[in-house]
N, C-alpha and C. Protein backbone atom coordinates (compact mmCIF):
# COMPACT_ATOMS: atom_id res chain seq x y z
N MET A 1 0.79 -1.25 -0.04
CA MET A 1 0.06 0.02 -0.09
C MET A 1 0.90 1.12 -0.03
N ILE A 2 2.02 1.33 0.71
CA ILE A 2 2.96 2.32 0.75
C ILE A 2 3.32 2.69 -0.80
N ASP A 3 3.83 1.71 -1.49
CA ASP A 3 4.15 1.82 -3.14
C ASP A 3 2.96 2.54 -3.84
N LEU A 4 1.84 1.86 -3.64
CA LEU A 4 0.63 2.57 -4.00
C LEU A 4 0.52 3.95 -3.78
N GLY A 5 0.57 4.19 -2.66
CA GLY A 5 0.36 5.70 -2.32
C GLY A 5 1.56 6.52 -2.82
N ALA A 6 2.63 6.05 -2.89
CA ALA A 6 3.79 6.98 -3.38
C ALA A 6 3.45 6.95 -4.84
N ASN A 7 2.91 6.28 -5.37
CA ASN A 7 2.74 6.07 -6.80
C ASN A 7 1.47 7.01 -7.34
N LEU A 8 0.61 7.12 -6.25
CA LEU A 8 -0.53 7.84 -6.64
C LEU A 8 -0.43 9.47 -6.31
N HIS A 9 0.63 9.60 -5.34
CA HIS A 9 0.96 10.83 -4.82
C HIS A 9 2.54 11.26 -5.11
N PRO A 10 2.93 11.34 -5.94
CA PRO A 10 4.34 11.46 -6.24
C PRO A 10 5.19 12.56 -5.70
N TYR A 11 4.38 13.56 -5.55
CA TYR A 11 4.89 14.96 -5.17
C TYR A 11 4.57 15.25 -3.53
N SER A 12 4.22 14.24 -2.98
CA SER A 12 3.65 14.51 -1.55
C SER A 12 4.82 15.10 -0.72
N ASN A 13 4.45 15.81 0.14
CA ASN A 13 5.61 16.45 0.91
C ASN A 13 6.02 15.50 2.12
N GLY A 14 5.50 14.33 2.13
CA GLY A 14 5.73 13.46 3.31
C GLY A 14 4.51 12.84 4.10
N TRP A 15 4.87 11.47 4.71
CA TRP A 15 3.87 10.86 4.94
C TRP A 15 4.11 10.71 6.72
N ARG A 16 2.72 10.53 7.29
CA ARG A 16 2.97 10.32 8.76
C ARG A 16 2.48 9.00 9.03
N LEU A 17 2.80 8.23 9.51
CA LEU A 17 2.41 6.98 10.12
C LEU A 17 1.93 7.12 11.47
N PHE A 18 0.54 6.48 11.53
CA PHE A 18 -0.28 6.68 12.86
C PHE A 18 -0.48 5.37 13.16
N VAL A 19 -0.16 5.20 14.57
CA VAL A 19 -0.40 3.71 15.29
C VAL A 19 -1.03 3.82 16.43
N ASP A 20 -2.19 3.02 16.69
CA ASP A 20 -3.11 3.18 17.93
C ASP A 20 -2.74 1.91 18.49
N ALA A 21 -1.86 2.38 19.68
CA ALA A 21 -1.20 1.02 20.51
C ALA A 21 -2.09 0.53 21.51
N GLY A 22 -3.43 0.97 21.78
CA GLY A 22 -4.26 0.93 22.59
C GLY A 22 -4.48 -0.55 23.10
N GLU A 23 -4.30 -1.44 22.30
CA GLU A 23 -4.36 -3.20 22.33
C GLU A 23 -3.09 -3.77 22.36
N TYR A 24 -2.00 -2.99 22.47
CA TYR A 24 -0.78 -3.70 22.43
C TYR A 24 -0.58 -4.26 24.41
N SER A 25 0.18 -5.35 24.16
CA SER A 25 -0.05 -6.34 25.62
C SER A 25 1.63 -6.25 25.72
N PHE A 26 1.76 -7.30 26.94
CA PHE A 26 3.02 -7.66 27.38
C PHE A 26 3.44 -8.89 26.20
N GLY A 27 2.48 -9.58 25.85
CA GLY A 27 2.90 -10.55 24.84
C GLY A 27 3.54 -9.98 23.49
N HIS A 28 3.05 -8.69 23.05
CA HIS A 28 3.51 -8.17 21.95
C HIS A 28 5.23 -7.62 22.23
N LEU A 29 5.23 -7.23 23.23
CA LEU A 29 6.79 -6.95 23.97
C LEU A 29 7.57 -8.13 23.91
N LEU A 30 7.01 -9.00 24.37
CA LEU A 30 8.02 -10.56 24.45
C LEU A 30 8.24 -10.90 22.87
N LYS A 31 7.11 -10.70 21.90
CA LYS A 31 7.25 -11.24 20.47
C LYS A 31 8.44 -10.34 19.86
N VAL A 32 8.51 -9.05 20.04
CA VAL A 32 9.48 -8.00 19.86
C VAL A 32 10.87 -8.14 20.33
N SER A 33 10.91 -8.63 21.58
CA SER A 33 12.21 -8.78 22.26
C SER A 33 12.97 -10.19 21.64
N MET A 34 11.78 -11.21 21.16
CA MET A 34 12.29 -12.27 20.57
C MET A 34 12.70 -12.47 19.28
N SER A 35 12.36 -11.42 18.43
CA SER A 35 12.80 -11.43 17.10
C SER A 35 13.69 -10.13 16.57
N LEU A 36 14.77 -9.90 17.53
CA LEU A 36 15.40 -8.56 17.26
C LEU A 36 16.16 -8.40 15.89
N GLY A 37 16.46 -9.76 15.31
CA GLY A 37 17.14 -9.75 13.87
C GLY A 37 16.13 -9.13 12.89
N TYR A 38 14.81 -9.57 12.98
CA TYR A 38 13.98 -9.28 12.25
C TYR A 38 13.67 -7.68 12.34
N LEU A 39 13.66 -7.45 13.54
CA LEU A 39 13.21 -5.87 13.62
C LEU A 39 14.33 -5.20 13.31
N LYS A 40 15.71 -5.56 13.33
CA LYS A 40 16.85 -4.71 12.91
C LYS A 40 16.72 -4.67 11.39
N ASN A 41 16.41 -5.70 10.81
CA ASN A 41 16.09 -5.57 9.18
C ASN A 41 15.05 -4.50 8.92
N TYR A 42 13.86 -4.70 9.72
CA TYR A 42 12.89 -4.17 9.14
C TYR A 42 13.13 -2.55 9.50
N LEU A 43 13.86 -2.19 10.54
CA LEU A 43 14.22 -0.79 10.53
C LEU A 43 15.20 -0.30 9.74
N THR A 44 16.03 -1.09 8.99
CA THR A 44 16.99 -0.70 8.03
C THR A 44 16.32 -0.60 6.78
N TYR A 45 15.06 -1.20 6.47
CA TYR A 45 14.08 -0.83 5.36
C TYR A 45 13.62 0.71 5.46
N VAL A 46 13.07 0.66 6.64
CA VAL A 46 12.49 1.91 6.96
C VAL A 46 13.00 3.10 6.80
N GLN A 47 14.57 2.76 7.24
CA GLN A 47 15.59 4.17 7.15
C GLN A 47 16.12 4.42 6.15
N THR A 48 16.16 3.12 5.17
CA THR A 48 17.10 3.36 3.94
C THR A 48 16.49 3.01 2.51
N ALA A 49 15.41 2.27 2.60
CA ALA A 49 14.70 1.97 1.33
C ALA A 49 13.47 2.13 1.07
N MET A 50 12.66 2.50 2.11
CA MET A 50 11.18 2.64 1.94
C MET A 50 10.86 4.07 0.89
N PRO A 51 9.91 3.54 -0.01
CA PRO A 51 9.84 4.44 -0.93
C PRO A 51 9.08 6.07 -0.87
N ILE A 52 8.94 6.12 0.47
CA ILE A 52 8.42 7.54 0.72
C ILE A 52 9.16 8.35 1.57
N ARG A 53 8.80 9.88 1.93
CA ARG A 53 9.55 10.36 2.54
C ARG A 53 8.58 10.34 3.93
N LEU A 54 9.22 9.71 4.98
CA LEU A 54 8.50 9.89 6.16
C LEU A 54 8.86 11.16 6.96
N LYS A 55 7.85 11.76 7.63
CA LYS A 55 7.88 12.73 8.40
C LYS A 55 7.36 12.63 9.99
N GLY A 56 7.02 11.20 10.29
CA GLY A 56 6.86 11.29 11.81
C GLY A 56 5.89 10.02 11.78
N ILE A 57 6.32 9.30 13.05
CA ILE A 57 5.68 8.20 13.38
C ILE A 57 4.93 8.78 14.76
N HIS A 58 3.46 8.64 14.54
CA HIS A 58 2.76 8.90 15.92
C HIS A 58 2.01 7.74 16.23
N ILE A 59 2.34 7.37 17.88
CA ILE A 59 1.89 6.44 18.42
C ILE A 59 0.72 6.65 19.48
N TYR A 60 -0.28 6.52 19.27
CA TYR A 60 -1.50 6.90 20.07
C TYR A 60 -1.81 5.88 20.85
N ASN A 61 -2.31 6.04 22.41
CA ASN A 61 -2.54 5.10 23.17
C ASN A 61 -1.63 4.56 23.96
N SER A 62 -0.35 5.33 24.05
CA SER A 62 1.05 4.87 24.40
C SER A 62 0.86 4.28 26.08
N SER A 63 1.82 3.23 26.30
CA SER A 63 1.80 2.76 27.57
C SER A 63 3.24 2.43 27.61
N PRO A 64 3.68 2.11 29.10
CA PRO A 64 4.93 1.38 29.40
C PRO A 64 5.56 0.52 28.53
N ILE A 65 4.62 -0.48 28.20
CA ILE A 65 5.14 -1.39 27.09
C ILE A 65 5.47 -0.73 25.92
N VAL A 66 4.69 0.32 25.45
CA VAL A 66 5.29 0.79 24.02
C VAL A 66 6.41 1.54 24.36
N ASN A 67 6.84 2.05 25.55
CA ASN A 67 7.99 2.89 25.59
C ASN A 67 9.20 1.73 25.69
N GLN A 68 8.86 0.36 26.48
CA GLN A 68 9.64 -0.62 26.37
C GLN A 68 10.02 -0.86 24.78
N MET A 69 9.19 -1.17 24.23
CA MET A 69 9.30 -1.64 22.58
C MET A 69 10.11 -0.64 22.05
N ILE A 70 9.86 0.77 22.21
CA ILE A 70 10.85 1.87 21.38
C ILE A 70 12.15 1.77 22.14
N ALA A 71 12.37 1.24 23.61
CA ALA A 71 13.64 1.30 23.79
C ALA A 71 14.58 0.03 23.59
N LEU A 72 13.53 -0.90 23.07
CA LEU A 72 14.51 -2.34 22.44
C LEU A 72 14.84 -1.95 20.94
N CYS A 73 14.06 -0.86 20.15
CA CYS A 73 14.45 -0.61 18.89
C CYS A 73 15.25 0.46 18.97
N LYS A 74 15.58 1.20 19.96
CA LYS A 74 16.59 2.40 19.93
C LYS A 74 18.02 2.22 19.21
N PRO A 75 18.62 0.96 19.70
CA PRO A 75 19.97 0.78 19.20
C PRO A 75 20.10 0.34 17.73
N PHE A 76 18.87 0.19 16.86
CA PHE A 76 18.57 -0.06 15.50
C PHE A 76 18.23 1.21 14.80
N ILE A 77 17.98 2.25 15.50
CA ILE A 77 17.28 3.39 14.88
C ILE A 77 18.25 4.80 14.65
N ASN A 78 18.32 5.27 13.49
CA ASN A 78 19.38 6.45 13.58
C ASN A 78 18.64 7.61 14.32
N ARG A 79 19.26 8.77 14.53
CA ARG A 79 18.91 9.68 15.37
C ARG A 79 17.58 10.24 14.62
N GLN A 80 17.92 10.63 13.35
CA GLN A 80 16.93 11.28 12.59
C GLN A 80 15.38 10.64 12.74
N LEU A 81 15.43 9.25 12.59
CA LEU A 81 13.85 8.52 12.69
C LEU A 81 13.75 8.58 14.17
N TYR A 82 14.65 8.43 15.17
CA TYR A 82 13.92 8.44 16.62
C TYR A 82 13.47 9.74 16.91
N GLU A 83 13.85 10.78 16.28
CA GLU A 83 13.34 12.08 16.82
C GLU A 83 11.83 12.32 16.24
N MET A 84 11.42 11.68 15.17
CA MET A 84 10.40 11.42 14.43
C MET A 84 9.12 10.54 15.11
N ILE A 85 9.71 10.04 16.13
CA ILE A 85 8.63 9.25 16.86
C ILE A 85 8.03 9.92 18.05
N HIS A 86 6.74 9.97 18.04
CA HIS A 86 5.97 10.92 19.06
C HIS A 86 5.03 10.01 19.92
N THR A 87 4.90 10.04 20.92
CA THR A 87 3.93 9.06 21.67
C THR A 87 3.07 9.93 22.35
N TYR A 88 1.67 9.46 22.56
CA TYR A 88 0.67 10.21 23.08
C TYR A 88 -0.13 9.33 23.95
N THR A 89 -0.59 9.64 25.13
CA THR A 89 -1.46 8.98 25.86
C THR A 89 -2.76 9.53 25.40
N CYS A 90 -3.87 8.79 25.92
CA CYS A 90 -5.45 9.13 25.40
C CYS A 90 -5.69 10.42 25.96
N ASP A 91 -4.91 10.98 26.82
CA ASP A 91 -5.41 12.32 27.22
C ASP A 91 -4.75 13.47 26.35
N GLU A 92 -3.81 13.04 25.43
CA GLU A 92 -2.86 13.92 24.90
C GLU A 92 -3.32 14.24 23.53
N LEU A 93 -4.84 14.30 23.31
CA LEU A 93 -5.23 14.00 21.85
C LEU A 93 -5.01 15.21 20.99
N ASN A 94 -5.10 16.31 21.77
CA ASN A 94 -4.95 17.63 21.12
C ASN A 94 -3.44 17.79 20.73
N SER A 95 -2.56 17.25 21.47
CA SER A 95 -1.33 17.43 20.93
C SER A 95 -0.96 16.51 19.48
N LEU A 96 -1.66 15.57 19.27
CA LEU A 96 -1.52 14.74 18.28
C LEU A 96 -2.12 15.37 16.84
N PHE A 97 -3.14 16.36 17.23
CA PHE A 97 -4.08 16.87 16.28
C PHE A 97 -3.12 18.25 15.55
N GLU A 98 -2.07 18.39 16.36
CA GLU A 98 -1.23 19.39 15.78
C GLU A 98 -0.34 18.86 14.48
N PHE A 99 -0.38 17.48 14.44
CA PHE A 99 0.39 17.12 13.34
C PHE A 99 -0.79 15.99 12.32
N ILE A 100 -1.76 15.68 12.94
CA ILE A 100 -2.70 14.75 11.93
C ILE A 100 -4.15 15.43 12.39
N ARG A 101 -4.66 15.71 11.21
CA ARG A 101 -5.99 16.28 11.09
C ARG A 101 -6.95 15.53 11.81
N PRO A 102 -7.72 15.57 12.55
CA PRO A 102 -8.94 14.73 13.23
C PRO A 102 -9.97 13.93 12.34
N GLU A 103 -9.95 14.68 10.95
CA GLU A 103 -10.77 14.13 9.77
C GLU A 103 -9.98 12.95 9.07
N MET A 104 -8.72 12.68 9.55
CA MET A 104 -8.07 11.76 8.88
C MET A 104 -7.79 10.67 9.76
N LEU A 105 -8.53 10.37 11.11
CA LEU A 105 -8.40 9.51 11.90
C LEU A 105 -9.72 8.86 12.12
N PRO A 106 -9.46 7.60 12.58
CA PRO A 106 -11.07 6.85 12.99
C PRO A 106 -11.56 7.43 14.14
N VAL A 107 -12.78 7.39 14.28
CA VAL A 107 -13.45 7.79 15.49
C VAL A 107 -12.92 7.18 16.68
N SER A 108 -12.58 6.05 16.53
CA SER A 108 -12.30 4.94 17.81
C SER A 108 -10.86 5.59 18.58
N SER A 109 -10.08 6.39 17.57
CA SER A 109 -9.01 7.06 17.87
C SER A 109 -9.05 8.70 18.18
N GLY A 110 -10.12 9.03 18.63
CA GLY A 110 -10.66 10.59 18.68
C GLY A 110 -10.63 11.56 17.52
N GLY A 111 -10.62 10.84 16.23
CA GLY A 111 -10.94 11.37 15.07
C GLY A 111 -12.22 11.41 14.55
N GLU A 112 -12.60 11.81 13.41
CA GLU A 112 -13.88 11.83 12.75
C GLU A 112 -14.48 10.92 11.64
N MET A 113 -13.21 10.23 11.23
CA MET A 113 -13.70 9.18 10.21
C MET A 113 -13.98 7.96 10.64
N CYS A 114 -15.09 7.29 9.85
CA CYS A 114 -15.71 6.08 10.21
C CYS A 114 -14.73 5.01 9.88
N ALA A 115 -14.41 4.12 10.74
CA ALA A 115 -13.54 2.93 10.10
C ALA A 115 -13.83 2.00 9.12
N GLU A 116 -14.94 1.87 9.01
CA GLU A 116 -15.69 1.34 8.03
C GLU A 116 -15.41 1.91 6.58
N GLU A 117 -15.56 3.22 6.81
CA GLU A 117 -15.27 3.69 5.27
C GLU A 117 -13.75 3.93 5.32
N MET A 118 -12.86 4.05 6.16
CA MET A 118 -11.61 3.70 5.79
C MET A 118 -11.42 2.79 5.22
N LYS A 119 -11.84 1.25 5.82
CA LYS A 119 -11.64 0.36 5.03
C LYS A 119 -12.23 -0.01 3.69
N LYS A 120 -13.28 0.77 3.35
CA LYS A 120 -13.91 0.54 2.17
C LYS A 120 -13.18 1.29 1.35
N ASP A 121 -12.60 2.60 1.70
CA ASP A 121 -11.65 3.18 0.75
C ASP A 121 -10.39 2.71 0.46
N THR A 122 -9.95 1.92 1.12
CA THR A 122 -8.72 1.12 0.99
C THR A 122 -8.96 -0.08 0.04
N LEU A 123 -10.09 -0.55 0.34
CA LEU A 123 -10.24 -2.06 -0.46
C LEU A 123 -10.68 -1.23 -1.75
N ASP A 124 -11.48 -0.48 -2.06
CA ASP A 124 -11.76 0.14 -3.41
C ASP A 124 -10.53 0.81 -4.06
N ASN A 125 -9.58 1.21 -3.46
CA ASN A 125 -8.19 1.40 -3.92
C ASN A 125 -7.72 0.25 -4.72
N ILE A 126 -7.43 -0.84 -3.71
CA ILE A 126 -6.87 -2.20 -4.07
C ILE A 126 -7.42 -2.56 -5.41
N LYS A 127 -8.90 -2.66 -5.41
CA LYS A 127 -9.67 -3.08 -6.64
C LYS A 127 -9.46 -2.29 -7.84
N LYS A 128 -9.35 -1.02 -7.49
CA LYS A 128 -9.49 -0.10 -8.64
C LYS A 128 -7.97 -0.19 -9.31
N TYR A 129 -6.63 -0.41 -8.47
CA TYR A 129 -5.44 -0.46 -9.15
C TYR A 129 -5.12 -1.92 -9.05
N GLU A 130 -6.11 -2.89 -9.20
CA GLU A 130 -5.26 -4.18 -9.13
C GLU A 130 -4.48 -4.54 -10.33
N GLN A 131 -4.65 -3.97 -11.35
CA GLN A 131 -3.90 -4.37 -12.68
C GLN A 131 -2.59 -3.68 -12.43
N TRP A 132 -2.39 -2.29 -11.56
CA TRP A 132 -1.16 -1.90 -11.13
C TRP A 132 -0.26 -2.96 -10.53
N PHE A 133 -0.96 -3.45 -9.43
CA PHE A 133 -0.32 -4.46 -8.47
C PHE A 133 0.01 -5.75 -9.32
N ILE A 134 -0.56 -6.28 -10.41
CA ILE A 134 -0.38 -7.26 -10.95
C ILE A 134 1.02 -6.90 -12.06
N ASP A 135 0.94 -5.93 -12.48
CA ASP A 135 2.00 -5.49 -13.40
C ASP A 135 3.18 -5.15 -12.71
N ASP A 136 3.09 -4.32 -11.55
CA ASP A 136 4.22 -4.39 -10.67
C ASP A 136 4.95 -5.64 -10.25
N GLN A 137 4.15 -6.85 -9.72
CA GLN A 137 4.71 -8.04 -9.55
C GLN A 137 5.51 -8.78 -10.43
N ARG A 138 4.58 -8.54 -11.63
CA ARG A 138 5.29 -9.18 -13.04
C ARG A 138 6.27 -8.84 -13.74
N LEU A 139 6.88 -7.24 -13.53
CA LEU A 139 7.58 -6.82 -14.22
C LEU A 139 8.94 -6.59 -13.25
N GLY A 140 8.59 -6.78 -12.16
CA GLY A 140 9.80 -6.71 -11.06
C GLY A 140 10.30 -5.38 -10.97
N ARG A 141 10.90 -5.10 -9.71
CA ARG A 141 11.76 -3.85 -9.29
C ARG A 141 13.16 -3.73 -9.63
N THR A 142 13.86 -5.20 -9.33
CA THR A 142 15.20 -5.00 -9.74
C THR A 142 15.68 -6.10 -10.70
N ASP A 143 16.85 -6.09 -11.02
CA ASP A 143 17.59 -6.95 -12.18
C ASP A 143 18.46 -7.66 -11.03
N GLU A 144 18.29 -8.94 -10.84
CA GLU A 144 18.71 -9.80 -9.79
C GLU A 144 20.13 -10.07 -10.55
N SER A 145 20.45 -10.08 -11.97
CA SER A 145 21.49 -10.56 -12.38
C SER A 145 22.67 -9.45 -12.39
N LYS A 146 22.24 -8.44 -11.91
CA LYS A 146 23.28 -7.39 -11.53
C LYS A 146 23.85 -7.30 -9.93
N ARG A 147 23.15 -8.13 -9.08
CA ARG A 147 23.45 -8.37 -7.62
C ARG A 147 24.90 -8.92 -7.84
N LYS A 148 25.61 -8.23 -6.92
CA LYS A 148 27.20 -8.71 -6.95
C LYS A 148 27.47 -9.78 -5.86
N ARG A 149 26.81 -10.11 -4.95
CA ARG A 149 26.64 -11.34 -4.37
C ARG A 149 25.53 -11.78 -3.86
N LYS A 150 25.27 -13.01 -3.44
CA LYS A 150 24.15 -13.75 -3.04
C LYS A 150 23.67 -13.19 -1.74
N PRO A 151 22.28 -13.13 -1.33
CA PRO A 151 21.90 -12.62 -0.09
C PRO A 151 22.28 -13.62 1.08
N GLY A 152 22.53 -13.30 2.18
CA GLY A 152 22.76 -13.95 3.26
C GLY A 152 21.65 -14.67 3.70
N ARG A 153 21.95 -15.06 4.95
CA ARG A 153 20.78 -16.14 5.29
C ARG A 153 19.31 -15.55 5.43
N LEU A 154 19.31 -14.27 5.91
CA LEU A 154 17.92 -13.44 6.05
C LEU A 154 17.56 -12.81 4.97
N GLY A 155 18.29 -13.16 3.84
CA GLY A 155 18.11 -12.31 2.58
C GLY A 155 16.44 -12.25 2.27
N TRP A 156 15.99 -13.45 2.63
CA TRP A 156 14.46 -13.75 2.14
C TRP A 156 13.44 -12.46 2.77
N LEU A 157 14.18 -11.90 4.10
CA LEU A 157 13.19 -10.97 4.54
C LEU A 157 13.17 -9.58 3.86
N PHE A 158 14.02 -9.49 3.07
CA PHE A 158 13.70 -8.36 2.28
C PHE A 158 13.08 -8.48 0.80
N GLY A 159 12.75 -9.75 0.59
CA GLY A 159 12.08 -10.20 -0.69
C GLY A 159 12.86 -10.52 -1.69
N TYR A 160 14.36 -10.69 -1.45
CA TYR A 160 15.24 -11.00 -2.25
C TYR A 160 16.01 -12.59 -2.20
N GLY A 161 16.36 -13.03 -3.12
CA GLY A 161 17.00 -14.37 -3.02
C GLY A 161 16.12 -15.60 -4.03
N ALA A 162 14.82 -14.96 -4.20
CA ALA A 162 13.95 -15.69 -5.19
C ALA A 162 13.79 -14.71 -6.51
N THR A 163 13.68 -14.95 -7.47
CA THR A 163 13.48 -14.11 -8.81
C THR A 163 12.05 -13.75 -8.85
N THR A 164 11.62 -12.84 -9.53
CA THR A 164 10.06 -12.60 -9.56
C THR A 164 9.71 -13.69 -10.32
N GLU A 165 10.16 -14.18 -11.43
CA GLU A 165 9.97 -15.19 -12.25
C GLU A 165 9.47 -16.59 -11.33
N ASP A 166 10.41 -16.75 -10.57
CA ASP A 166 10.24 -17.82 -9.38
C ASP A 166 8.67 -17.71 -8.56
N ASN A 167 8.58 -16.58 -8.37
CA ASN A 167 7.53 -16.22 -7.35
C ASN A 167 6.39 -16.45 -8.42
N LEU A 168 6.11 -15.65 -9.56
CA LEU A 168 5.19 -15.79 -10.35
C LEU A 168 4.66 -17.43 -10.88
N GLU A 169 5.83 -18.32 -10.92
CA GLU A 169 5.50 -19.82 -11.29
C GLU A 169 5.06 -20.46 -10.02
N LYS A 170 5.58 -20.17 -8.71
CA LYS A 170 4.80 -20.40 -7.61
C LYS A 170 3.32 -20.09 -7.67
N ASN A 171 2.88 -18.87 -7.88
CA ASN A 171 1.59 -18.48 -7.98
C ASN A 171 0.67 -19.34 -8.91
N GLU A 172 1.45 -19.31 -9.85
CA GLU A 172 0.55 -20.41 -11.16
C GLU A 172 0.38 -21.54 -10.74
N GLU A 173 1.25 -22.36 -10.15
CA GLU A 173 1.61 -23.74 -9.85
C GLU A 173 0.03 -23.75 -8.40
N ASN A 174 0.19 -22.82 -7.53
CA ASN A 174 -0.83 -22.80 -6.63
C ASN A 174 -2.05 -22.37 -7.33
N ASP A 175 -2.34 -21.90 -8.09
CA ASP A 175 -3.52 -21.61 -8.89
C ASP A 175 -4.01 -22.88 -9.84
N ASN A 176 -3.15 -23.83 -10.16
CA ASN A 176 -3.09 -24.78 -11.18
C ASN A 176 -3.79 -25.77 -10.16
N GLN A 177 -3.21 -25.81 -8.83
CA GLN A 177 -3.61 -26.88 -8.16
C GLN A 177 -4.92 -26.90 -7.52
N LYS A 178 -5.34 -25.33 -7.22
CA LYS A 178 -6.74 -25.11 -6.69
C LYS A 178 -7.88 -25.27 -7.75
N ASP A 179 -7.45 -25.60 -9.09
CA ASP A 179 -8.58 -25.81 -10.34
C ASP A 179 -8.66 -27.39 -10.24
């Protein structure tokens, strides 16, 4: 979806990520702490390869658990990204509105937009641009033959290691098995 958004709005001044952490629990903290290798790779992607200009990460309904998750991530985050992270308790909604307009947030997070309407808009965009997703997958984004070395043992995490043709063949095989 980030790729589609970047394609639809190529001249955007930047994007703000909103996370409602109201349902985060101790179990989430355990999962994050047990998969630090994956977390490091994901944060590397966010900081160096994500195809959008990130202006901020806003975490609403923050709790001590969220603060611990951020502390676990801190060694893998550069200063610039770390300074973009803003946390808000449910009492600090007005501070959040300085960055994100209420009409852009769901009612459940103190905003004005219906969550079902947001979901419908997202699904409509996926259907409307279905061919774009298909073409994007078929055409691929990189020429793997130019890669200087083979990916390491966690190379699959970033989606490389298998060519787009391999992925298309697997999808076709799965489709044929369903018939």
